């Protein structure tokens, strides 16, 4: 009574694309906001300009993530260069290299 699981090829797996896109967006938003906060503390005295540098950094992060995600979703699935990043595969478990020796 073994169930046969249907596997979806990675180029058609929309859930994996969304997971990778959301992960990329959150990372770039956080890192660029922190970079903007650091630059604001380093270069500006006024709290308004410091917050503006944080907002500018966050906008840069979201914009670059949007560009990469739109490339992944809009590219034709048949081309090998369509995926610029891949989703982490949690079901792929590999053994350490020295385990079988």
PDB file of N, CA and C in Angstrom:
ATOM      1  N   UNK A   1       0.806  -1.183   0.000  1.00  0.00           N
ATOM      2  CA  UNK A   1       0.000   0.000   0.000  1.00  0.00           C
ATOM      3  C   UNK A   1       0.858   1.259   0.000  1.00  0.00           C
ATOM      4  N   UNK A   2       1.843   1.240  -0.818  1.00  0.00           N
ATOM      5  CA  UNK A   2       2.687   2.426  -0.933  1.00  0.00           C
ATOM      6  C   UNK A   2       2.006   3.446  -1.827  1.00  0.00           C
ATOM      7  N   UNK A   3       1.951   4.667  -1.333  1.00  0.00           N
ATOM      8  CA  UNK A   3       1.357   5.733  -2.128  1.00  0.00           C
ATOM      9  C   UNK A   3       2.383   6.264  -3.109  1.00  0.00           C
ATOM     10  N   UNK A   4       1.904   6.531  -4.285  1.00  0.00           N
ATOM     11  CA  UNK A   4       2.785   7.082  -5.308  1.00  0.00           C
ATOM     12  C   UNK A   4       2.641   8.600  -5.291  1.00  0.00           C
ATOM     13  N   UNK A   5       3.721   9.277  -4.911  1.00  0.00           N
ATOM     14  CA  UNK A   5       3.705  10.734  -4.851  1.00  0.00           C
ATOM     15  C   UNK A   5       4.034  11.299  -6.220  1.00  0.00           C
ATOM     16  N   UNK A   6       3.247  12.276  -6.628  1.00  0.00           N
ATOM     17  CA  UNK A   6       3.531  12.959  -7.874  1.00  0.00           C
ATOM     18  C   UNK A   6       4.521  14.087  -7.592  1.00  0.00           C
ATOM     19  N   UNK A   7       5.585  14.102  -8.346  1.00  0.00           N
ATOM     20  CA  UNK A   7       6.560  15.170  -8.177  1.00  0.00           C
ATOM     21  C   UNK A   7       6.439  16.135  -9.340  1.00  0.00           C
ATOM     22  N   UNK A   8       6.558  17.381  -9.037  1.00  0.00           N
ATOM     23  CA  UNK A   8       6.472  18.431 -10.035  1.00  0.00           C
ATOM     24  C   UNK A   8       7.884  18.843 -10.409  1.00  0.00           C
ATOM     25  N   UNK A   9       8.175  18.926 -11.716  1.00  0.00           N
ATOM     26  CA  UNK A   9       9.512  19.390 -12.098  1.00  0.00           C
ATOM     27  C   UNK A   9       9.767  20.786 -11.538  1.00  0.00           C
ATOM     28  N   UNK A  10      11.000  21.074 -11.148  1.00  0.00           N
ATOM     29  CA  UNK A  10      11.317  22.366 -10.509  1.00  0.00           C
ATOM     30  C   UNK A  10      10.951  23.581 -11.352  1.00  0.00           C
ATOM     31  N   UNK A  11      11.007  23.467 -12.672  1.00  0.00           N
ATOM     32  CA  UNK A  11      10.704  24.639 -13.485  1.00  0.00           C
ATOM     33  C   UNK A  11       9.214  24.963 -13.507  1.00  0.00           C
ATOM     34  N   UNK A  12       8.354  24.022 -13.087  1.00  0.00           N
ATOM     35  CA  UNK A  12       6.912  24.267 -13.038  1.00  0.00           C
ATOM     36  C   UNK A  12       6.378  24.410 -11.622  1.00  0.00           C
ATOM     37  N   UNK A  13       7.234  24.296 -10.634  1.00  0.00           N
ATOM     38  CA  UNK A  13       6.800  24.356  -9.236  1.00  0.00           C
ATOM     39  C   UNK A  13       6.639  25.806  -8.799  1.00  0.00           C
ATOM     40  N   UNK A  14       5.413  26.315  -8.870  1.00  0.00           N
ATOM     41  CA  UNK A  14       5.143  27.714  -8.555  1.00  0.00           C
ATOM     42  C   UNK A  14       5.295  27.966  -7.058  1.00  0.00           C
ATOM     43  N   UNK A  15       4.940  26.991  -6.230  1.00  0.00           N
ATOM     44  CA  UNK A  15       5.087  27.173  -4.782  1.00  0.00           C
ATOM     45  C   UNK A  15       6.543  27.367  -4.396  1.00  0.00           C
ATOM     46  N   UNK A  16       7.441  26.630  -5.022  1.00  0.00           N
ATOM     47  CA  UNK A  16       8.865  26.799  -4.724  1.00  0.00           C
ATOM     48  C   UNK A  16       9.359  28.162  -5.196  1.00  0.00           C
ATOM     49  N   UNK A  17       8.828  28.624  -6.336  1.00  0.00           N
ATOM     50  CA  UNK A  17       9.224  29.949  -6.822  1.00  0.00           C
ATOM     51  C   UNK A  17       8.756  31.034  -5.863  1.00  0.00           C
ATOM     52  N   UNK A  18       7.522  30.918  -5.359  1.00  0.00           N
ATOM     53  CA  UNK A  18       7.013  31.907  -4.407  1.00  0.00           C
ATOM     54  C   UNK A  18       7.807  31.873  -3.108  1.00  0.00           C
ATOM     55  N   UNK A  19       8.134  30.678  -2.624  1.00  0.00           N
ATOM     56  CA  UNK A  19       8.923  30.571  -1.387  1.00  0.00           C
ATOM     57  C   UNK A  19      10.279  31.241  -1.557  1.00  0.00           C
ATOM     58  N   UNK A  20      10.934  30.964  -2.671  1.00  0.00           N
ATOM     59  CA  UNK A  20      12.246  31.567  -2.913  1.00  0.00           C
ATOM     60  C   UNK A  20      12.129  33.075  -3.074  1.00  0.00           C
ATOM     61  N   UNK A  21      11.073  33.527  -3.725  1.00  0.00           N
ATOM     62  CA  UNK A  21      10.886  34.957  -3.941  1.00  0.00           C
ATOM     63  C   UNK A  21      10.617  35.688  -2.622  1.00  0.00           C
ATOM     64  N   UNK A  22       9.769  35.128  -1.783  1.00  0.00           N
ATOM     65  CA  UNK A  22       9.492  35.752  -0.487  1.00  0.00           C
ATOM     66  C   UNK A  22      10.727  35.757   0.403  1.00  0.00           C
ATOM     67  N   UNK A  23      11.479  34.668   0.375  1.00  0.00           N
ATOM     68  CA  UNK A  23      12.709  34.607   1.157  1.00  0.00           C
ATOM     69  C   UNK A  23      13.697  35.673   0.691  1.00  0.00           C
ATOM     70  N   UNK A  24      13.849  35.816  -0.610  1.00  0.00           N
ATOM     71  CA  UNK A  24      14.753  36.818  -1.158  1.00  0.00           C
ATOM     72  C   UNK A  24      14.293  38.229  -0.813  1.00  0.00           C
ATOM     73  N   UNK A  25      12.988  38.474  -0.889  1.00  0.00           N
ATOM     74  CA  UNK A  25      12.449  39.801  -0.601  1.00  0.00           C
ATOM     75  C   UNK A  25      12.673  40.188   0.855  1.00  0.00           C
ATOM     76  N   UNK A  26      12.397  39.278   1.762  1.00  0.00           N
ATOM     77  CA  UNK A  26      12.573  39.580   3.190  1.00  0.00           C
ATOM     78  C   UNK A  26      14.042  39.828   3.515  1.00  0.00           C
ATOM     79  N   UNK A  27      14.917  38.990   2.972  1.00  0.00           N
ATOM     80  CA  UNK A  27      16.346  39.171   3.241  1.00  0.00           C
ATOM     81  C   UNK A  27      16.858  40.513   2.722  1.00  0.00           C
ATOM     82  N   UNK A  28      16.509  40.837   1.482  1.00  0.00           N
ATOM     83  CA  UNK A  28      17.008  42.087   0.909  1.00  0.00           C
ATOM     84  C   UNK A  28      16.405  43.295   1.610  1.00  0.00           C
ATOM     85  N   UNK A  29      15.142  43.210   2.015  1.00  0.00           N
ATOM     86  CA  UNK A  29      14.509  44.309   2.735  1.00  0.00           C
ATOM     87  C   UNK A  29      15.225  44.559   4.061  1.00  0.00           C
ATOM     88  N   UNK A  30      15.475  43.488   4.820  1.00  0.00           N
ATOM     89  CA  UNK A  30      16.107  43.633   6.135  1.00  0.00           C
ATOM     90  C   UNK A  30      17.547  44.120   6.000  1.00  0.00           C
ATOM     91  N   UNK A  31      18.310  43.486   5.114  1.00  0.00           N
ATOM     92  CA  UNK A  31      19.717  43.858   4.992  1.00  0.00           C
ATOM     93  C   UNK A  31      19.890  45.280   4.476  1.00  0.00           C
ATOM     94  N   UNK A  32      19.092  45.677   3.500  1.00  0.00           N
ATOM     95  CA  UNK A  32      19.253  47.031   2.977  1.00  0.00           C
ATOM     96  C   UNK A  32      18.711  48.076   3.947  1.00  0.00           C
ATOM     97  N   UNK A  33      17.698  47.729   4.746  1.00  0.00           N
ATOM     98  CA  UNK A  33      17.232  48.655   5.782  1.00  0.00           C
ATOM     99  C   UNK A  33      18.305  48.854   6.844  1.00  0.00           C
ATOM    100  N   UNK A  34      18.958  47.768   7.228  1.00  0.00           N
ATOM    101  CA  UNK A  34      20.051  47.889   8.197  1.00  0.00           C
ATOM    102  C   UNK A  34      21.210  48.694   7.615  1.00  0.00           C
ATOM    103  N   UNK A  35      21.497  48.496   6.344  1.00  0.00           N
ATOM    104  CA  UNK A  35      22.536  49.290   5.697  1.00  0.00           C
ATOM    105  C   UNK A  35      22.172  50.761   5.651  1.00  0.00           C
ATOM    106  N   UNK A  36      20.897  51.058   5.371  1.00  0.00           N
ATOM    107  CA  UNK A  36      20.448  52.444   5.372  1.00  0.00           C
ATOM    108  C   UNK A  36      20.495  53.052   6.760  1.00  0.00           C
ATOM    109  N   UNK A  37      20.155  52.254   7.780  1.00  0.00           N
ATOM    110  CA  UNK A  37      20.219  52.761   9.155  1.00  0.00           C
ATOM    111  C   UNK A  37      21.662  53.059   9.553  1.00  0.00           C
ATOM    112  N   UNK A  38      22.568  52.183   9.185  1.00  0.00           N
ATOM    113  CA  UNK A  38      23.981  52.408   9.503  1.00  0.00           C
ATOM    114  C   UNK A  38      24.507  53.653   8.787  1.00  0.00           C
ATOM    115  N   UNK A  39      24.147  53.791   7.498  1.00  0.00           N
ATOM    116  CA  UNK A  39      24.591  54.968   6.746  1.00  0.00           C
ATOM    117  C   UNK A  39      23.967  56.234   7.323  1.00  0.00           C
ATOM    118  N   UNK A  40      22.713  56.161   7.754  1.00  0.00           N
ATOM    119  CA  UNK A  40      22.052  57.316   8.353  1.00  0.00           C
ATOM    120  C   UNK A  40      22.710  57.743   9.647  1.00  0.00           C
ATOM    121  N   UNK A  41      23.081  56.764  10.471  1.00  0.00           N
ATOM    122  CA  UNK A  41      23.777  57.092  11.720  1.00  0.00           C
ATOM    123  C   UNK A  41      25.166  57.648  11.462  1.00  0.00           C
ATOM    124  N   UNK A  42      25.792  57.179  10.409  1.00  0.00           N
ATOM    125  CA  UNK A  42      27.153  57.584  10.111  1.00  0.00           C
ATOM    126  C   UNK A  42      27.217  58.975   9.473  1.00  0.00           C
ATOM    127  N   UNK A  43      26.266  59.302   8.606  1.00  0.00           N
ATOM    128  CA  UNK A  43      26.379  60.518   7.811  1.00  0.00           C
ATOM    129  C   UNK A  43      25.452  61.653   8.219  1.00  0.00           C
ATOM    130  N   UNK A  44      24.328  61.378   8.869  1.00  0.00           N
ATOM    131  CA  UNK A  44      23.340  62.421   9.110  1.00  0.00           C
ATOM    132  C   UNK A  44      23.110  62.658  10.592  1.00  0.00           C
ATOM    133  N   UNK A  45      22.739  63.891  10.923  1.00  0.00           N
ATOM    134  CA  UNK A  45      22.442  64.242  12.313  1.00  0.00           C
ATOM    135  C   UNK A  45      20.942  64.312  12.575  1.00  0.00           C
ATOM    136  N   UNK A  46      20.185  64.728  11.611  1.00  0.00           N
ATOM    137  CA  UNK A  46      18.755  64.914  11.785  1.00  0.00           C
ATOM    138  C   UNK A  46      18.024  63.555  11.768  1.00  0.00           C
ATOM    139  N   UNK A  47      17.091  63.353  12.699  1.00  0.00           N
ATOM    140  CA  UNK A  47      16.334  62.088  12.690  1.00  0.00           C
ATOM    141  C   UNK A  47      15.526  61.879  11.414  1.00  0.00           C
ATOM    142  N   UNK A  48      15.067  62.969  10.814  1.00  0.00           N
ATOM    143  CA  UNK A  48      14.287  62.840   9.583  1.00  0.00           C
ATOM    144  C   UNK A  48      15.151  62.287   8.453  1.00  0.00           C
ATOM    145  N   UNK A  49      16.355  62.775   8.317  1.00  0.00           N
ATOM    146  CA  UNK A  49      17.235  62.275   7.265  1.00  0.00           C
ATOM    147  C   UNK A  49      17.702  60.862   7.562  1.00  0.00           C
ATOM    148  N   UNK A  50      17.852  60.527   8.823  1.00  0.00           N
ATOM    149  CA  UNK A  50      18.205  59.145   9.159  1.00  0.00           C
ATOM    150  C   UNK A  50      17.090  58.187   8.744  1.00  0.00           C
ATOM    151  N   UNK A  51      15.845  58.564   9.047  1.00  0.00           N
ATOM    152  CA  UNK A  51      14.718  57.712   8.648  1.00  0.00           C
ATOM    153  C   UNK A  51      14.586  57.670   7.128  1.00  0.00           C
ATOM    154  N   UNK A  52      14.907  58.761   6.466  1.00  0.00           N
ATOM    155  CA  UNK A  52      14.854  58.777   5.008  1.00  0.00           C
ATOM    156  C   UNK A  52      15.884  57.816   4.411  1.00  0.00           C
ATOM    157  N   UNK A  53      17.058  57.728   5.029  1.00  0.00           N
ATOM    158  CA  UNK A  53      18.067  56.797   4.521  1.00  0.00           C
ATOM    159  C   UNK A  53      17.646  55.343   4.767  1.00  0.00           C
ATOM    160  N   UNK A  54      16.952  55.087   5.873  1.00  0.00           N
ATOM    161  CA  UNK A  54      16.425  53.740   6.114  1.00  0.00           C
ATOM    162  C   UNK A  54      15.372  53.401   5.064  1.00  0.00           C
ATOM    163  N   UNK A  55      14.476  54.352   4.783  1.00  0.00           N
ATOM    164  CA  UNK A  55      13.432  54.125   3.782  1.00  0.00           C
ATOM    165  C   UNK A  55      14.030  53.944   2.386  1.00  0.00           C
ATOM    166  N   UNK A  56      15.069  54.711   2.076  1.00  0.00           N
ATOM    167  CA  UNK A  56      15.733  54.558   0.788  1.00  0.00           C
ATOM    168  C   UNK A  56      16.372  53.176   0.663  1.00  0.00           C
ATOM    169  N   UNK A  57      17.026  52.719   1.717  1.00  0.00           N
ATOM    170  CA  UNK A  57      17.624  51.389   1.699  1.00  0.00           C
ATOM    171  C   UNK A  57      16.573  50.295   1.556  1.00  0.00           C
ATOM    172  N   UNK A  58      15.458  50.442   2.262  1.00  0.00           N
ATOM    173  CA  UNK A  58      14.383  49.453   2.153  1.00  0.00           C
ATOM    174  C   UNK A  58      13.811  49.434   0.743  1.00  0.00           C
ATOM    175  N   UNK A  59      13.675  50.604   0.142  1.00  0.00           N
ATOM    176  CA  UNK A  59      13.181  50.668  -1.229  1.00  0.00           C
ATOM    177  C   UNK A  59      14.126  50.021  -2.219  1.00  0.00           C
ATOM    178  N   UNK A  60      15.415  50.212  -2.010  1.00  0.00           N
ATOM    179  CA  UNK A  60      16.393  49.546  -2.872  1.00  0.00           C
ATOM    180  C   UNK A  60      16.303  48.027  -2.744  1.00  0.00           C
ATOM    181  N   UNK A  61      16.146  47.537  -1.524  1.00  0.00           N
ATOM    182  CA  UNK A  61      16.039  46.094  -1.311  1.00  0.00           C
ATOM    183  C   UNK A  61      14.800  45.499  -1.941  1.00  0.00           C
ATOM    184  N   UNK A  62      13.667  46.154  -1.757  1.00  0.00           N
ATOM    185  CA  UNK A  62      12.422  45.647  -2.336  1.00  0.00           C
ATOM    186  C   UNK A  62      12.469  45.739  -3.863  1.00  0.00           C
ATOM    187  N   UNK A  63      13.035  46.804  -4.373  1.00  0.00           N
ATOM    188  CA  UNK A  63      13.120  46.952  -5.828  1.00  0.00           C
ATOM    189  C   UNK A  63      14.006  45.907  -6.475  1.00  0.00           C
ATOM    190  N   UNK A  64      15.132  45.616  -5.879  1.00  0.00           N
ATOM    191  CA  UNK A  64      16.013  44.601  -6.462  1.00  0.00           C
ATOM    192  C   UNK A  64      15.404  43.204  -6.339  1.00  0.00           C
ATOM    193  N   UNK A  65      14.704  42.936  -5.238  1.00  0.00           N
ATOM    194  CA  UNK A  65      14.029  41.642  -5.094  1.00  0.00           C
ATOM    195  C   UNK A  65      12.900  41.510  -6.108  1.00  0.00           C
ATOM    196  N   UNK A  66      12.164  42.598  -6.337  1.00  0.00           N
ATOM    197  CA  UNK A  66      11.089  42.572  -7.324  1.00  0.00           C
ATOM    198  C   UNK A  66      11.630  42.287  -8.724  1.00  0.00           C
ATOM    199  N   UNK A  67      12.758  42.887  -9.048  1.00  0.00           N
ATOM    200  CA  UNK A  67      13.362  42.670 -10.359  1.00  0.00           C
ATOM    201  C   UNK A  67      13.749  41.214 -10.552  1.00  0.00           C
ATOM    202  N   UNK A  68      14.405  40.621  -9.558  1.00  0.00           N
ATOM    203  CA  UNK A  68      14.803  39.222  -9.672  1.00  0.00           C
ATOM    204  C   UNK A  68      13.601  38.287  -9.702  1.00  0.00           C
ATOM    205  N   UNK A  69      12.596  38.579  -8.895  1.00  0.00           N
ATOM    206  CA  UNK A  69      11.404  37.719  -8.870  1.00  0.00           C
ATOM    207  C   UNK A  69      10.623  37.814 -10.174  1.00  0.00           C
ATOM    208  N   UNK A  70      10.532  38.997 -10.741  1.00  0.00           N
ATOM    209  CA  UNK A  70       9.806  39.119 -12.009  1.00  0.00           C
ATOM    210  C   UNK A  70      10.547  38.403 -13.122  1.00  0.00           C
ATOM    211  N   UNK A  71      11.875  38.371 -13.065  1.00  0.00           N
ATOM    212  CA  UNK A  71      12.643  37.601 -14.047  1.00  0.00           C
ATOM    213  C   UNK A  71      12.332  36.117 -13.944  1.00  0.00           C
ATOM    214  N   UNK A  72      12.210  35.613 -12.734  1.00  0.00           N
ATOM    215  CA  UNK A  72      11.951  34.188 -12.544  1.00  0.00           C
ATOM    216  C   UNK A  72      10.550  33.827 -13.006  1.00  0.00           C
ATOM    217  N   UNK A  73       9.564  34.658 -12.680  1.00  0.00           N
ATOM    218  CA  UNK A  73       8.190  34.323 -13.033  1.00  0.00           C
ATOM    219  C   UNK A  73       7.865  34.599 -14.499  1.00  0.00           C
ATOM    220  N   UNK A  74       8.489  35.592 -15.117  1.00  0.00           N
ATOM    221  CA  UNK A  74       8.151  35.957 -16.487  1.00  0.00           C
ATOM    222  C   UNK A  74       8.967  35.229 -17.539  1.00  0.00           C
ATOM    223  N   UNK A  75      10.073  34.660 -17.153  1.00  0.00           N
ATOM    224  CA  UNK A  75      10.939  33.997 -18.124  1.00  0.00           C
ATOM    225  C   UNK A  75      10.279  32.717 -18.624  1.00  0.00           C
ATOM    226  N   UNK A  76      10.524  32.351 -19.873  1.00  0.00           N
ATOM    227  CA  UNK A  76       9.990  31.077 -20.358  1.00  0.00           C
ATOM    228  C   UNK A  76      10.620  29.920 -19.595  1.00  0.00           C
ATOM    229  N   UNK A  77       9.821  28.933 -19.287  1.00  0.00           N
ATOM    230  CA  UNK A  77      10.282  27.832 -18.443  1.00  0.00           C
ATOM    231  C   UNK A  77      11.270  26.928 -19.147  1.00  0.00           C
ATOM    232  N   UNK A  78      11.315  26.957 -20.473  1.00  0.00           N
ATOM    233  CA  UNK A  78      12.176  26.036 -21.184  1.00  0.00           C
ATOM    234  C   UNK A  78      13.629  26.484 -21.245  1.00  0.00           C
ATOM    235  N   UNK A  79      13.887  27.772 -21.063  1.00  0.00           N
ATOM    236  CA  UNK A  79      15.261  28.236 -21.161  1.00  0.00           C
ATOM    237  C   UNK A  79      16.028  27.890 -19.884  1.00  0.00           C
ATOM    238  N   UNK A  80      17.280  27.446 -19.996  1.00  0.00           N
ATOM    239  CA  UNK A  80      18.046  27.056 -18.809  1.00  0.00           C
ATOM    240  C   UNK A  80      18.445  28.234 -17.944  1.00  0.00           C
ATOM    241  N   UNK A  81      18.475  29.445 -18.495  1.00  0.00           N
ATOM    242  CA  UNK A  81      18.890  30.596 -17.704  1.00  0.00           C
ATOM    243  C   UNK A  81      17.711  31.307 -17.050  1.00  0.00           C
ATOM    244  N   UNK A  82      16.521  30.670 -17.055  1.00  0.00           N
ATOM    245  CA  UNK A  82      15.334  31.350 -16.536  1.00  0.00           C
ATOM    246  C   UNK A  82      15.349  31.453 -15.017  1.00  0.00           C
ATOM    247  N   UNK A  83      15.948  30.502 -14.338  1.00  0.00           N
ATOM    248  CA  UNK A  83      15.956  30.538 -12.879  1.00  0.00           C
ATOM    249  C   UNK A  83      17.257  31.162 -12.399  1.00  0.00           C
ATOM    250  N   UNK A  84      17.163  32.364 -11.832  1.00  0.00           N
ATOM    251  CA  UNK A  84      18.363  32.994 -11.314  1.00  0.00           C
ATOM    252  C   UNK A  84      18.647  32.560  -9.891  1.00  0.00           C
ATOM    253  N   UNK A  85      17.640  32.044  -9.206  1.00  0.00           N
ATOM    254  CA  UNK A  85      17.838  31.482  -7.883  1.00  0.00           C
ATOM    255  C   UNK A  85      16.870  30.330  -7.723  1.00  0.00           C
ATOM    256  N   UNK A  86      17.190  29.407  -6.831  1.00  0.00           N
ATOM    257  CA  UNK A  86      16.339  28.247  -6.632  1.00  0.00           C
ATOM    258  C   UNK A  86      15.878  28.200  -5.193  1.00  0.00           C
ATOM    259  N   UNK A  87      14.737  27.584  -4.996  1.00  0.00           N
ATOM    260  CA  UNK A  87      14.189  27.445  -3.655  1.00  0.00           C
ATOM    261  C   UNK A  87      14.954  26.366  -2.908  1.00  0.00           C
ATOM    262  N   UNK A  88      15.109  26.510  -1.601  1.00  0.00           N
ATOM    263  CA  UNK A  88      15.765  25.461  -0.833  1.00  0.00           C
ATOM    264  C   UNK A  88      14.914  24.206  -0.842  1.00  0.00           C
ATOM    265  N   UNK A  89      15.535  23.078  -1.056  1.00  0.00           N
ATOM    266  CA  UNK A  89      14.831  21.814  -1.141  1.00  0.00           C
ATOM    267  C   UNK A  89      14.973  21.080   0.180  1.00  0.00           C
ATOM    268  N   UNK A  90      13.922  21.060   0.976  1.00  0.00           N
ATOM    269  CA  UNK A  90      14.005  20.467   2.302  1.00  0.00           C
ATOM    270  C   UNK A  90      13.907  18.953   2.260  1.00  0.00           C
ATOM    271  N   UNK A  91      13.443  18.354   1.144  1.00  0.00           N
ATOM    272  CA  UNK A  91      13.315  16.898   1.073  1.00  0.00           C
ATOM    273  C   UNK A  91      14.597  16.233   0.606  1.00  0.00           C
ATOM    274  N   UNK A  92      15.533  17.000   0.081  1.00  0.00           N
ATOM    275  CA  UNK A  92      16.786  16.453  -0.406  1.00  0.00           C
ATOM    276  C   UNK A  92      17.759  16.304   0.758  1.00  0.00           C
ATOM    277  N   UNK A  93      17.944  15.065   1.207  1.00  0.00           N
ATOM    278  CA  UNK A  93      18.843  14.799   2.323  1.00  0.00           C
ATOM    279  C   UNK A  93      20.028  14.022   1.779  1.00  0.00           C
ATOM    280  N   UNK A  94      21.195  14.579   1.917  1.00  0.00           N
ATOM    281  CA  UNK A  94      22.392  13.897   1.450  1.00  0.00           C
ATOM    282  C   UNK A  94      23.279  13.577   2.638  1.00  0.00           C
ATOM    283  N   UNK A  95      24.030  12.510   2.486  1.00  0.00           N
ATOM    284  CA  UNK A  95      24.926  12.077   3.557  1.00  0.00           C
ATOM    285  C   UNK A  95      26.217  12.868   3.487  1.00  0.00           C
ATOM    286  N   UNK A  96      26.897  12.993   4.632  1.00  0.00           N
ATOM    287  CA  UNK A  96      28.219  13.643   4.590  1.00  0.00           C
ATOM    288  C   UNK A  96      29.171  12.869   3.693  1.00  0.00           C
ATOM    289  N   UNK A  97      30.168  13.531   3.159  1.00  0.00           N
ATOM    290  CA  UNK A  97      31.028  12.915   2.163  1.00  0.00           C
ATOM    291  C   UNK A  97      31.854  11.769   2.723  1.00  0.00           C
ATOM    292  N   UNK A  98      32.234  11.804   3.941  1.00  0.00           N
ATOM    293  CA  UNK A  98      33.064  10.732   4.504  1.00  0.00           C
ATOM    294  C   UNK A  98      32.256   9.647   5.183  1.00  0.00           C
ATOM    295  N   UNK A  99      30.944   9.588   5.045  1.00  0.00           N
ATOM    296  CA  UNK A  99      30.124   8.637   5.787  1.00  0.00           C
ATOM    297  C   UNK A  99      30.200   7.226   5.238  1.00  0.00           C
ATOM    298  N   UNK A 100      30.430   7.031   3.942  1.00  0.00           N
ATOM    299  CA  UNK A 100      30.400   5.708   3.342  1.00  0.00           C
ATOM    300  C   UNK A 100      31.765   5.073   3.265  1.00  0.00           C
ATOM    301  N   UNK A 101      32.764   5.665   3.806  1.00  0.00           N
ATOM    302  CA  UNK A 101      34.123   5.117   3.654  1.00  0.00           C
ATOM    303  C   UNK A 101      34.487   4.239   4.785  1.00  0.00           C
TER     304      UNK A 101
END
